[in-house]
Structures are given as structure tokens and as C-alpha cells.
Protein backbone atom coordinates (compact mmCIF):
# COMPACT_ATOMS: atom_id res chain seq x y z
CA MET A 1 -0.19 -0.25 0.03
CA GLU A 2 1.43 3.18 -1.08
CA ASN A 3 1.43 5.57 2.03
CA LYS A 4 0.19 8.69 0.97
CA TYR A 5 1.24 10.80 3.97
CA GLY A 6 4.61 12.53 4.79
CA GLU A 7 6.78 11.69 8.19
CA ASP A 8 5.53 14.45 9.67
CA GLU A 9 2.00 13.69 8.98
CA ILE A 10 2.60 10.23 10.35
CA LEU A 11 1.53 9.25 13.90
CA THR A 12 0.96 6.33 15.87
CA LEU A 13 -1.88 5.91 18.30
CA ASP A 14 -0.74 3.11 21.59
CA TYR A 15 -3.49 1.93 23.31
CA ASP A 16 -3.41 0.80 26.59
CA ASP A 17 -4.09 -2.68 25.62
CA GLY A 18 -0.84 -2.75 23.96
CA VAL A 19 -2.86 -1.92 19.99
CA SER A 20 -1.14 0.24 18.41
CA ILE A 21 -2.24 1.78 14.64
CA THR A 22 -0.18 3.56 12.85
CA CYS A 23 -2.04 6.94 10.91
CA GLY A 24 -2.35 9.97 8.79
CA ILE A 25 -3.03 12.85 9.96
CA MET A 26 -6.24 13.75 7.11
CA GLY A 27 -6.57 17.24 8.67
CA ILE A 28 -7.59 19.34 12.02
CA PHE A 29 -11.24 21.15 11.34
CA ASP A 30 -12.98 23.82 14.17
CA VAL A 31 -16.16 22.93 15.88
CA ASP A 32 -17.88 25.56 17.96
CA GLY A 33 -14.64 27.21 18.68
CA GLN A 34 -13.34 23.70 20.04
CA ASP A 35 -10.60 22.08 17.50
CA TYR A 36 -10.95 18.44 16.36
CA ILE A 37 -8.14 16.12 14.10
CA ALA A 38 -9.20 13.09 11.52
CA LEU A 39 -6.87 10.03 11.72
CA GLU A 40 -6.94 7.68 9.00
CA ALA A 41 -5.70 4.40 9.83
CA LEU A 42 -2.56 3.27 7.05
CA ASP A 43 -3.58 -0.61 8.23
CA GLY A 44 -5.59 -0.47 4.96
CA SER A 45 -8.37 -0.88 6.80
CA GLU A 46 -10.34 2.29 6.06
CA GLU A 47 -10.82 3.23 10.04
CA VAL A 48 -10.77 7.33 10.87
CA TYR A 49 -10.30 8.25 14.14
CA LEU A 50 -11.65 11.68 15.94
CA TYR A 51 -9.63 13.54 18.39
CA GLY A 52 -9.80 16.67 20.17
CA TYR A 53 -6.94 18.82 19.20
CA ARG A 54 -4.92 20.82 21.85
CA GLU A 55 -1.62 22.24 20.76
CA ASN A 56 0.81 23.00 23.18
CA ASP A 57 4.01 24.84 24.00
CA GLU A 58 6.29 21.66 21.79
CA ASP A 59 3.79 19.67 20.34
CA PHE A 60 0.20 18.35 20.10
CA ASP A 61 -2.25 16.15 22.77
CA LEU A 62 -5.26 14.32 21.50
CA LEU A 63 -8.25 14.29 23.34
CA ASP A 64 -10.86 11.37 23.86
CA ILE A 65 -14.25 12.50 22.65
CA ASP A 66 -16.04 11.31 25.51
CA ASP A 67 -20.18 12.89 25.06
CA GLU A 68 -22.03 11.05 22.86
CA GLN A 69 -24.12 13.66 21.44
CA THR A 70 -20.84 16.17 20.79
CA PHE A 71 -18.80 13.35 18.88
CA GLU A 72 -21.63 12.47 16.51
CA LYS A 73 -21.67 16.45 15.66
CA VAL A 74 -17.74 16.72 15.36
CA ALA A 75 -18.07 13.16 12.95
CA ALA A 76 -21.46 15.37 10.95
CA GLU A 77 -18.82 17.88 10.72
CA PHE A 78 -16.07 15.67 9.19
CA GLU A 79 -18.04 14.04 7.02
CA SER A 80 -19.88 17.65 5.27
CA LEU A 81 -15.47 18.51 5.30
CA MET A 82 -15.38 15.34 3.01
CA ASP A 83 -18.08 15.79 1.10
CA GLU A 84 -16.50 19.22 0.18
CA PRO A 85 -14.99 19.16 -3.57
CA LEU A 86 -11.54 20.21 -3.46
């Protein structure tokens, strides 16, 4: 599988259960004044992960979206952005 992401656009999600998933950063977008990030799994599964996004001094933090209503709103905005022509 060809990787369409540059080296600085790839990150690895490490979960507490020991699972690691390498993802490409699809983009950062705003919903109600909060930044969110869309990550595409690079394992061929077509999975997309959505997280809250916050820059800090030297890097950034990924924040779980715990509220189901907020997640649905973020997912709807992501889908809307993906439907826009390039």
C-alpha cells in the first residue's frame, strides 16, 4: 500500500491494551470553537479516528471525545468536510 502522507504527517496511536495503530493526519478542523483532528489508519482498514486536538508548547495533545452528542456533531462536520469538492 502506498503511503500518501509525509513523515511529519504520520503518528502512532498507542492504546492501554498494547495495541498500536499507525495513522496519517487527514486534517484539523473546528467545531464550536474547539479543534478536532481526523486520523486515517494506515493498515488498509479505512478506519478514521476523531479526537479533540490541542497544541501545547512543543507538540500537541489528542483528547478523547467522551460525550456522544459532541462526537456525533464532530463526525457530522467531518463527513460534511469530506463531501466538499477539492
